[in-house]
Amino acid sequence: MIDSTFFTVPYKNKKAALHDVDSIYSAMIDSIRATYNTIQNLNKNLAFVIVTIVNQQPNKIQLKAIYSIIHGSTFNPGIFDTTEYWLWWNWGTNSGGKCGPYSGYTSLDAAKKIQQHVMLNKGAVIGCYVPPNTEKDFYATDWPNPNHNYNDGPCYFFYYFYCNYTGDPCYHACLWPFEMNRYLSGAEHVIYTSVNQSSDPGAKPDDGESFMSIYLTGDFAVGGGPNDDLWMHKGKIYYGTYIPCGSQIKL
């Protein structure tokens, strides 16, 4: 799950009092802890917390803390197991989720499950990310896979993110576990590989910024119609300058 909380910090002459910052920080942790404790599942993890500015006025600034808590008795971090068949896109409010020989989790799809695994593999940070941050917009076709193997099938893994053509005879919307793991590996390659690497580049800036988070969605298509479309994952990757400030969030 992804949720958020808002809080306001007063300041004067572009400076905020330390006791106000400490108070707001404690309130943010209390809010996340309250949500965390409502989840009745022992298999849960705080994946990430991102704090952004949403409104700035002469005497106060409003901040938004976005956080993700991963939970579920069948969730295995790191890799997808043999039951992980997922639709590449949640086609509607009451559709999507698991597919093939399994079903359920209709609010999630392949994109969100890959996003969750990326963030769980990364883990929550102890320090801070210093703005400004870098936002990298992407489409699947931004990163062709030079290691594509036709032995895997003509429709598989042309790109590091999901991309398939409805006119192809092997088009399919249900991603198998080995596909989920390949696209997870592809996403992490793009995230952690330098944008200026001479061969097989990724999205990571070369200015010292670190990976913060990824927003991945599957609801994108280009083409002339339902039988002539290229369907793909799209999203954003966020990077920031990391410094070891603050203290670890303990829930």
C-alpha atoms as a PDB file:
ATOM      1  CA  MET A   1       0.000   0.000   0.000  1.00  0.00           C
ATOM      2  CA  ILE A   2       1.020   3.609  -0.635  1.00  0.00           C
ATOM      3  CA  ASP A   3      -0.301   6.372   1.620  1.00  0.00           C
ATOM      4  CA  SER A   4       0.613   9.925   2.581  1.00  0.00           C
ATOM      5  CA  THR A   5       0.424  12.410   5.420  1.00  0.00           C
ATOM      6  CA  PHE A   6       0.654  16.221   5.436  1.00  0.00           C
ATOM      7  CA  PHE A   7       2.218  18.543   7.967  1.00  0.00           C
ATOM      8  CA  THR A   8       3.124  22.216   8.197  1.00  0.00           C
ATOM      9  CA  VAL A   9       6.371  23.771   9.432  1.00  0.00           C
ATOM     10  CA  PRO A  10       6.373  27.446  10.496  1.00  0.00           C
ATOM     11  CA  TYR A  11       9.447  29.530   9.712  1.00  0.00           C
ATOM     12  CA  LYS A  12      10.701  33.107   9.822  1.00  0.00           C
ATOM     13  CA  ASN A  13      13.385  34.741   7.689  1.00  0.00           C
ATOM     14  CA  LYS A  14      13.746  31.435   5.788  1.00  0.00           C
ATOM     15  CA  LYS A  15      14.596  29.579   9.009  1.00  0.00           C
ATOM     16  CA  ALA A  16      12.595  27.006  10.975  1.00  0.00           C
ATOM     17  CA  ALA A  17      13.066  26.455  14.693  1.00  0.00           C
ATOM     18  CA  LEU A  18      14.676  23.150  15.586  1.00  0.00           C
ATOM     19  CA  HIS A  19      11.944  22.261  18.081  1.00  0.00           C
ATOM     20  CA  ASP A  20       9.296  22.762  15.364  1.00  0.00           C
ATOM     21  CA  VAL A  21      11.181  20.492  12.967  1.00  0.00           C
ATOM     22  CA  ASP A  22      11.630  17.832  15.670  1.00  0.00           C
ATOM     23  CA  SER A  23       7.942  18.046  16.554  1.00  0.00           C
ATOM     24  CA  ILE A  24       6.818  17.653  12.946  1.00  0.00           C
ATOM     25  CA  TYR A  25       9.256  14.789  12.394  1.00  0.00           C
ATOM     26  CA  SER A  26       7.849  12.962  15.429  1.00  0.00           C
ATOM     27  CA  ALA A  27       4.297  13.581  14.183  1.00  0.00           C
ATOM     28  CA  MET A  28       5.203  12.132  10.780  1.00  0.00           C
ATOM     29  CA  ILE A  29       6.685   8.989  12.363  1.00  0.00           C
ATOM     30  CA  ASP A  30       3.642   8.628  14.634  1.00  0.00           C
ATOM     31  CA  SER A  31       1.331   8.852  11.622  1.00  0.00           C
ATOM     32  CA  ILE A  32       3.268   6.195   9.672  1.00  0.00           C
ATOM     33  CA  ARG A  33       3.495   4.000  12.775  1.00  0.00           C
ATOM     34  CA  ALA A  34      -0.276   4.210  13.306  1.00  0.00           C
ATOM     35  CA  THR A  35      -0.942   3.024   9.749  1.00  0.00           C
ATOM     36  CA  TYR A  36       1.737   0.321  10.046  1.00  0.00           C
ATOM     37  CA  ASN A  37       0.179  -1.023  13.259  1.00  0.00           C
ATOM     38  CA  THR A  38      -3.292  -1.283  11.718  1.00  0.00           C
ATOM     39  CA  ILE A  39      -2.031  -3.908   9.251  1.00  0.00           C
ATOM     40  CA  GLN A  40      -2.777  -7.263  10.833  1.00  0.00           C
ATOM     41  CA  ASN A  41      -0.012  -9.193   9.120  1.00  0.00           C
ATOM     42  CA  LEU A  42       3.383 -10.203  10.466  1.00  0.00           C
ATOM     43  CA  ASN A  43       4.881 -10.175   6.966  1.00  0.00           C
ATOM     44  CA  LYS A  44       5.140  -6.403   6.461  1.00  0.00           C
ATOM     45  CA  ASN A  45       7.900  -3.904   5.714  1.00  0.00           C
ATOM     46  CA  LEU A  46       8.245  -0.147   5.396  1.00  0.00           C
ATOM     47  CA  ALA A  47       9.645   0.147   1.867  1.00  0.00           C
ATOM     48  CA  PHE A  48      10.239   3.901   1.530  1.00  0.00           C
ATOM     49  CA  VAL A  49       9.361   7.400   2.754  1.00  0.00           C
ATOM     50  CA  ILE A  50       9.636  10.452   0.489  1.00  0.00           C
ATOM     51  CA  VAL A  51       9.062  14.009   1.786  1.00  0.00           C
ATOM     52  CA  THR A  52       8.164  16.694  -0.767  1.00  0.00           C
ATOM     53  CA  ILE A  53       7.124  20.366  -0.659  1.00  0.00           C
ATOM     54  CA  VAL A  54       3.509  20.912  -1.717  1.00  0.00           C
ATOM     55  CA  ASN A  55       2.968  24.548  -0.702  1.00  0.00           C
ATOM     56  CA  GLN A  56       5.224  27.376   0.441  1.00  0.00           C
ATOM     57  CA  GLN A  57       4.019  30.615   1.997  1.00  0.00           C
ATOM     58  CA  PRO A  58       5.890  33.577   3.558  1.00  0.00           C
ATOM     59  CA  ASN A  59       5.618  32.175   7.094  1.00  0.00           C
ATOM     60  CA  LYS A  60       5.079  28.431   6.667  1.00  0.00           C
ATOM     61  CA  ILE A  61       5.713  25.500   4.387  1.00  0.00           C
ATOM     62  CA  GLN A  62       3.485  22.482   3.830  1.00  0.00           C
ATOM     63  CA  LEU A  63       5.174  19.116   3.357  1.00  0.00           C
ATOM     64  CA  LYS A  64       3.831  15.784   2.177  1.00  0.00           C
ATOM     65  CA  ALA A  65       5.303  12.475   3.301  1.00  0.00           C
ATOM     66  CA  ILE A  66       4.573   9.643   0.845  1.00  0.00           C
ATOM     67  CA  TYR A  67       5.272   6.186   2.196  1.00  0.00           C
ATOM     68  CA  SER A  68       4.832   2.571   1.137  1.00  0.00           C
ATOM     69  CA  ILE A  69       4.195  -0.420   3.382  1.00  0.00           C
ATOM     70  CA  ILE A  70       4.559  -3.801   1.702  1.00  0.00           C
ATOM     71  CA  HIS A  71       2.595  -6.642   3.262  1.00  0.00           C
ATOM     72  CA  GLY A  72       0.956  -9.953   2.461  1.00  0.00           C
ATOM     73  CA  SER A  73       1.366 -13.572   3.485  1.00  0.00           C
ATOM     74  CA  THR A  74       2.272 -14.592  -0.070  1.00  0.00           C
ATOM     75  CA  PHE A  75       4.700 -11.737  -0.758  1.00  0.00           C
ATOM     76  CA  ASN A  76       8.311 -12.825  -1.235  1.00  0.00           C
ATOM     77  CA  PRO A  77      10.839  -9.995  -1.590  1.00  0.00           C
ATOM     78  CA  GLY A  78      13.615 -10.242  -4.128  1.00  0.00           C
ATOM     79  CA  ILE A  79      12.101 -12.616  -6.658  1.00  0.00           C
ATOM     80  CA  PHE A  80       8.698 -13.767  -7.866  1.00  0.00           C
ATOM     81  CA  ASP A  81       7.786 -17.342  -6.962  1.00  0.00           C
ATOM     82  CA  THR A  82       5.965 -19.947  -9.044  1.00  0.00           C
ATOM     83  CA  THR A  83       2.496 -18.529  -8.241  1.00  0.00           C
ATOM     84  CA  GLU A  84       3.272 -15.016  -9.500  1.00  0.00           C
ATOM     85  CA  TYR A  85       1.187 -14.760 -12.680  1.00  0.00           C
ATOM     86  CA  TRP A  86       0.140 -11.106 -13.100  1.00  0.00           C
ATOM     87  CA  LEU A  87      -1.806  -9.111 -15.671  1.00  0.00           C
ATOM     88  CA  TRP A  88       0.443  -6.415 -17.079  1.00  0.00           C
ATOM     89  CA  TRP A  89      -2.309  -3.815 -16.542  1.00  0.00           C
ATOM     90  CA  ASN A  90      -5.232  -3.549 -14.144  1.00  0.00           C
ATOM     91  CA  TRP A  91      -7.855  -3.249 -16.881  1.00  0.00           C
ATOM     92  CA  GLY A  92     -10.534  -1.784 -14.628  1.00  0.00           C
ATOM     93  CA  THR A  93     -11.642  -1.285 -11.054  1.00  0.00           C
ATOM     94  CA  ASN A  94     -12.686  -4.895 -10.588  1.00  0.00           C
ATOM     95  CA  SER A  95     -10.327  -6.638 -12.957  1.00  0.00           C
ATOM     96  CA  GLY A  96      -6.616  -7.270 -13.234  1.00  0.00           C
ATOM     97  CA  GLY A  97      -4.459  -8.799 -10.557  1.00  0.00           C
ATOM     98  CA  LYS A  98      -3.312 -12.396 -10.659  1.00  0.00           C
ATOM     99  CA  CYS A  99      -4.035 -14.459 -13.740  1.00  0.00           C
ATOM    100  CA  GLY A 100      -3.305 -17.809 -15.358  1.00  0.00           C
ATOM    101  CA  PRO A 101      -3.871 -20.632 -12.852  1.00  0.00           C
ATOM    102  CA  TYR A 102      -4.269 -18.121 -10.022  1.00  0.00           C
ATOM    103  CA  SER A 103      -6.510 -15.160  -9.267  1.00  0.00           C
ATOM    104  CA  GLY A 104      -6.959 -12.394  -6.728  1.00  0.00           C
ATOM    105  CA  TYR A 105      -5.418  -9.077  -5.656  1.00  0.00           C
ATOM    106  CA  THR A 106      -7.550  -7.182  -8.165  1.00  0.00           C
ATOM    107  CA  SER A 107      -6.219  -3.784  -7.059  1.00  0.00           C
ATOM    108  CA  LEU A 108      -2.691  -4.689  -8.204  1.00  0.00           C
ATOM    109  CA  ASP A 109      -1.073  -5.620 -11.501  1.00  0.00           C
ATOM    110  CA  ALA A 110       2.338  -6.597 -12.901  1.00  0.00           C
ATOM    111  CA  ALA A 111       3.567  -2.992 -12.898  1.00  0.00           C
ATOM    112  CA  LYS A 112       2.760  -2.404  -9.236  1.00  0.00           C
ATOM    113  CA  LYS A 113       4.171  -5.762  -8.173  1.00  0.00           C
ATOM    114  CA  ILE A 114       7.462  -5.022  -9.953  1.00  0.00           C
ATOM    115  CA  GLN A 115       7.477  -1.549  -8.375  1.00  0.00           C
ATOM    116  CA  GLN A 116       6.951  -3.106  -4.924  1.00  0.00           C
ATOM    117  CA  HIS A 117       9.787  -5.602  -5.388  1.00  0.00           C
ATOM    118  CA  VAL A 118      12.184  -2.875  -6.557  1.00  0.00           C
ATOM    119  CA  MET A 119      11.422  -0.791  -3.465  1.00  0.00           C
ATOM    120  CA  LEU A 120      11.551  -3.726  -1.069  1.00  0.00           C
ATOM    121  CA  ASN A 121      14.921  -4.766  -2.482  1.00  0.00           C
ATOM    122  CA  LYS A 122      16.109  -1.170  -1.949  1.00  0.00           C
ATOM    123  CA  GLY A 123      14.752  -0.854   1.590  1.00  0.00           C
ATOM    124  CA  ALA A 124      14.035   2.265   3.641  1.00  0.00           C
ATOM    125  CA  VAL A 125      16.870   4.778   4.016  1.00  0.00           C
ATOM    126  CA  ILE A 126      18.382   5.975   7.286  1.00  0.00           C
ATOM    127  CA  GLY A 127      19.556   9.347   5.971  1.00  0.00           C
ATOM    128  CA  CYS A 128      18.040  12.087   3.817  1.00  0.00           C
ATOM    129  CA  TYR A 129      17.753  13.019   0.165  1.00  0.00           C
ATOM    130  CA  VAL A 130      18.666  16.637  -0.460  1.00  0.00           C
ATOM    131  CA  PRO A 131      16.644  18.512  -3.115  1.00  0.00           C
ATOM    132  CA  PRO A 132      16.503  19.307  -5.943  1.00  0.00           C
ATOM    133  CA  ASN A 133      15.674  15.813  -7.162  1.00  0.00           C
ATOM    134  CA  THR A 134      15.909  14.373 -10.660  1.00  0.00           C
ATOM    135  CA  GLU A 135      12.776  12.913 -12.263  1.00  0.00           C
ATOM    136  CA  LYS A 136      13.337  10.562 -15.171  1.00  0.00           C
ATOM    137  CA  ASP A 137      10.272   9.972 -17.350  1.00  0.00           C
ATOM    138  CA  PHE A 138      10.381   6.758 -19.302  1.00  0.00           C
ATOM    139  CA  TYR A 139       8.537   4.481 -21.654  1.00  0.00           C
ATOM    140  CA  ALA A 140       9.438   0.840 -22.210  1.00  0.00           C
ATOM    141  CA  THR A 141      10.829   1.631 -25.669  1.00  0.00           C
ATOM    142  CA  ASP A 142      13.379   4.010 -24.112  1.00  0.00           C
ATOM    143  CA  TRP A 143      15.470   0.985 -23.138  1.00  0.00           C
ATOM    144  CA  PRO A 144      15.830  -1.801 -25.712  1.00  0.00           C
ATOM    145  CA  ASN A 145      17.335  -4.981 -24.349  1.00  0.00           C
ATOM    146  CA  PRO A 146      20.575  -5.805 -26.225  1.00  0.00           C
ATOM    147  CA  ASN A 147      20.552  -9.239 -24.592  1.00  0.00           C
ATOM    148  CA  HIS A 148      17.199 -10.197 -26.083  1.00  0.00           C
ATOM    149  CA  ASN A 149      17.223 -13.888 -26.920  1.00  0.00           C
ATOM    150  CA  TYR A 150      14.857 -15.149 -29.590  1.00  0.00           C
ATOM    151  CA  ASN A 151      15.007 -18.559 -27.953  1.00  0.00           C
ATOM    152  CA  ASP A 152      12.845 -17.019 -25.239  1.00  0.00           C
ATOM    153  CA  GLY A 153      10.165 -16.361 -27.847  1.00  0.00           C
ATOM    154  CA  PRO A 154       9.718 -13.591 -30.415  1.00  0.00           C
ATOM    155  CA  CYS A 155       7.523 -11.474 -28.112  1.00  0.00           C
ATOM    156  CA  TYR A 156       9.639 -11.648 -24.978  1.00  0.00           C
ATOM    157  CA  PHE A 157      12.038  -9.103 -23.540  1.00  0.00           C
ATOM    158  CA  PHE A 158      12.644  -6.826 -26.513  1.00  0.00           C
ATOM    159  CA  TYR A 159      12.822  -4.111 -23.843  1.00  0.00           C
ATOM    160  CA  TYR A 160      13.762  -3.986 -20.170  1.00  0.00           C
ATOM    161  CA  PHE A 161      10.186  -3.033 -19.313  1.00  0.00           C
ATOM    162  CA  TYR A 162       7.040  -4.767 -20.548  1.00  0.00           C
ATOM    163  CA  CYS A 163       6.182  -4.014 -24.166  1.00  0.00           C
ATOM    164  CA  ASN A 164       4.032  -6.153 -26.443  1.00  0.00           C
ATOM    165  CA  TYR A 165       2.249  -5.732 -29.760  1.00  0.00           C
ATOM    166  CA  THR A 166      -1.410  -6.741 -30.007  1.00  0.00           C
ATOM    167  CA  GLY A 167      -0.993  -7.691 -33.651  1.00  0.00           C
ATOM    168  CA  ASP A 168       1.577 -10.362 -32.815  1.00  0.00           C
ATOM    169  CA  PRO A 169       0.298 -13.951 -32.680  1.00  0.00           C
ATOM    170  CA  CYS A 170       2.045 -14.439 -29.332  1.00  0.00           C
ATOM    171  CA  TYR A 171       0.633 -11.311 -27.695  1.00  0.00           C
ATOM    172  CA  HIS A 172      -0.493 -12.026 -24.138  1.00  0.00           C
ATOM    173  CA  ALA A 173      -1.614  -9.929 -21.170  1.00  0.00           C
ATOM    174  CA  CYS A 174      -0.827 -12.480 -18.451  1.00  0.00           C
ATOM    175  CA  LEU A 175       2.845 -12.357 -17.427  1.00  0.00           C
ATOM    176  CA  TRP A 176       4.325 -15.620 -16.152  1.00  0.00           C
ATOM    177  CA  PRO A 177       6.702 -15.784 -13.138  1.00  0.00           C
ATOM    178  CA  PHE A 178       9.826 -15.996 -15.306  1.00  0.00           C
ATOM    179  CA  GLU A 179       8.650 -12.887 -17.188  1.00  0.00           C
ATOM    180  CA  MET A 180       8.003 -11.026 -13.938  1.00  0.00           C
ATOM    181  CA  ASN A 181      11.532 -11.817 -12.771  1.00  0.00           C
ATOM    182  CA  ARG A 182      13.065 -10.789 -16.095  1.00  0.00           C
ATOM    183  CA  TYR A 183      11.223  -7.446 -16.074  1.00  0.00           C
ATOM    184  CA  LEU A 184      12.169  -6.925 -12.416  1.00  0.00           C
ATOM    185  CA  SER A 185      15.810  -7.533 -13.329  1.00  0.00           C
ATOM    186  CA  GLY A 186      15.454  -5.200 -16.316  1.00  0.00           C
ATOM    187  CA  ALA A 187      13.942  -2.430 -14.196  1.00  0.00           C
ATOM    188  CA  GLU A 188      16.785  -2.661 -11.686  1.00  0.00           C
ATOM    189  CA  HIS A 189      19.339  -2.593 -14.501  1.00  0.00           C
ATOM    190  CA  VAL A 190      17.858   0.672 -15.796  1.00  0.00           C
ATOM    191  CA  ILE A 191      17.603   2.167 -12.294  1.00  0.00           C
ATOM    192  CA  TYR A 192      21.151   1.441 -11.139  1.00  0.00           C
ATOM    193  CA  THR A 193      23.097   1.723 -14.408  1.00  0.00           C
ATOM    194  CA  SER A 194      24.627   5.046 -15.478  1.00  0.00           C
ATOM    195  CA  VAL A 195      22.874   7.020 -18.189  1.00  0.00           C
ATOM    196  CA  ASN A 196      26.279   7.598 -19.795  1.00  0.00           C
ATOM    197  CA  GLN A 197      27.460   3.999 -19.847  1.00  0.00           C
ATOM    198  CA  SER A 198      28.755   3.424 -23.363  1.00  0.00           C
ATOM    199  CA  SER A 199      27.052   0.063 -23.819  1.00  0.00           C
ATOM    200  CA  ASP A 200      23.626  -0.851 -22.459  1.00  0.00           C
ATOM    201  CA  PRO A 201      23.051   2.434 -20.554  1.00  0.00           C
ATOM    202  CA  GLY A 202      20.486   2.991 -17.829  1.00  0.00           C
ATOM    203  CA  ALA A 203      18.839   6.036 -16.245  1.00  0.00           C
ATOM    204  CA  LYS A 204      21.084   6.789 -13.236  1.00  0.00           C
ATOM    205  CA  PRO A 205      22.606  10.302 -13.343  1.00  0.00           C
ATOM    206  CA  ASP A 206      26.397  10.610 -13.191  1.00  0.00           C
ATOM    207  CA  ASP A 207      26.331  13.508 -10.712  1.00  0.00           C
ATOM    208  CA  GLY A 208      26.339  11.456  -7.533  1.00  0.00           C
ATOM    209  CA  GLU A 209      22.578  11.176  -7.089  1.00  0.00           C
ATOM    210  CA  SER A 210      21.140   7.963  -5.657  1.00  0.00           C
ATOM    211  CA  PHE A 211      17.991   6.053  -6.529  1.00  0.00           C
ATOM    212  CA  MET A 212      15.015   7.167  -4.409  1.00  0.00           C
ATOM    213  CA  SER A 213      11.895   5.534  -5.838  1.00  0.00           C
ATOM    214  CA  ILE A 214      10.091   4.373  -8.951  1.00  0.00           C
ATOM    215  CA  TYR A 215       6.494   4.851 -10.082  1.00  0.00           C
ATOM    216  CA  LEU A 216       5.531   2.202 -12.616  1.00  0.00           C
ATOM    217  CA  THR A 217       2.208   1.832 -14.402  1.00  0.00           C
ATOM    218  CA  GLY A 218       0.959  -0.263 -17.284  1.00  0.00           C
ATOM    219  CA  ASP A 219      -1.894   1.757 -18.747  1.00  0.00           C
ATOM    220  CA  PHE A 220      -0.218   3.053 -21.877  1.00  0.00           C
ATOM    221  CA  ALA A 221      -0.728   2.151 -25.524  1.00  0.00           C
ATOM    222  CA  VAL A 222       0.214   3.640 -28.871  1.00  0.00           C
ATOM    223  CA  GLY A 223      -1.236   2.630 -32.201  1.00  0.00           C
ATOM    224  CA  GLY A 224      -4.255   2.741 -34.442  1.00  0.00           C
ATOM    225  CA  GLY A 225      -6.749   0.559 -32.652  1.00  0.00           C
ATOM    226  CA  PRO A 226      -7.428  -2.450 -30.421  1.00  0.00           C
ATOM    227  CA  ASN A 227      -5.837  -4.833 -32.932  1.00  0.00           C
ATOM    228  CA  ASP A 228      -2.927  -2.595 -33.848  1.00  0.00           C
ATOM    229  CA  ASP A 229      -1.488  -1.291 -30.567  1.00  0.00           C
ATOM    230  CA  LEU A 230       1.831  -1.359 -28.790  1.00  0.00           C
ATOM    231  CA  TRP A 231       1.142  -1.800 -25.082  1.00  0.00           C
ATOM    232  CA  MET A 232       3.866  -0.942 -22.586  1.00  0.00           C
ATOM    233  CA  HIS A 233       4.843   0.025 -19.084  1.00  0.00           C
ATOM    234  CA  LYS A 234       5.677   3.664 -18.405  1.00  0.00           C
ATOM    235  CA  GLY A 235       6.518   5.703 -15.337  1.00  0.00           C
ATOM    236  CA  LYS A 236       9.041   7.844 -13.482  1.00  0.00           C
ATOM    237  CA  ILE A 237      12.301   7.142 -11.686  1.00  0.00           C
ATOM    238  CA  TYR A 238      13.374   9.535  -8.927  1.00  0.00           C
ATOM    239  CA  TYR A 239      16.967  10.266  -7.889  1.00  0.00           C
ATOM    240  CA  GLY A 240      18.358  12.518  -5.162  1.00  0.00           C
ATOM    241  CA  THR A 241      21.577  13.430  -3.346  1.00  0.00           C
ATOM    242  CA  TYR A 242      21.838  11.258  -0.245  1.00  0.00           C
ATOM    243  CA  ILE A 243      23.370  12.379   3.053  1.00  0.00           C
ATOM    244  CA  PRO A 244      23.461  10.412   6.370  1.00  0.00           C
ATOM    245  CA  CYS A 245      21.207  12.727   8.405  1.00  0.00           C
ATOM    246  CA  GLY A 246      18.478  12.006  10.928  1.00  0.00           C
ATOM    247  CA  SER A 247      17.844   8.652  12.505  1.00  0.00           C
ATOM    248  CA  GLN A 248      16.379   5.358  11.374  1.00  0.00           C
ATOM    249  CA  ILE A 249      12.595   5.115  11.373  1.00  0.00           C
ATOM    250  CA  LYS A 250      11.582   2.480  13.914  1.00  0.00           C
ATOM    251  CA  LEU A 251       8.043   1.174  13.787  1.00  0.00           C
END
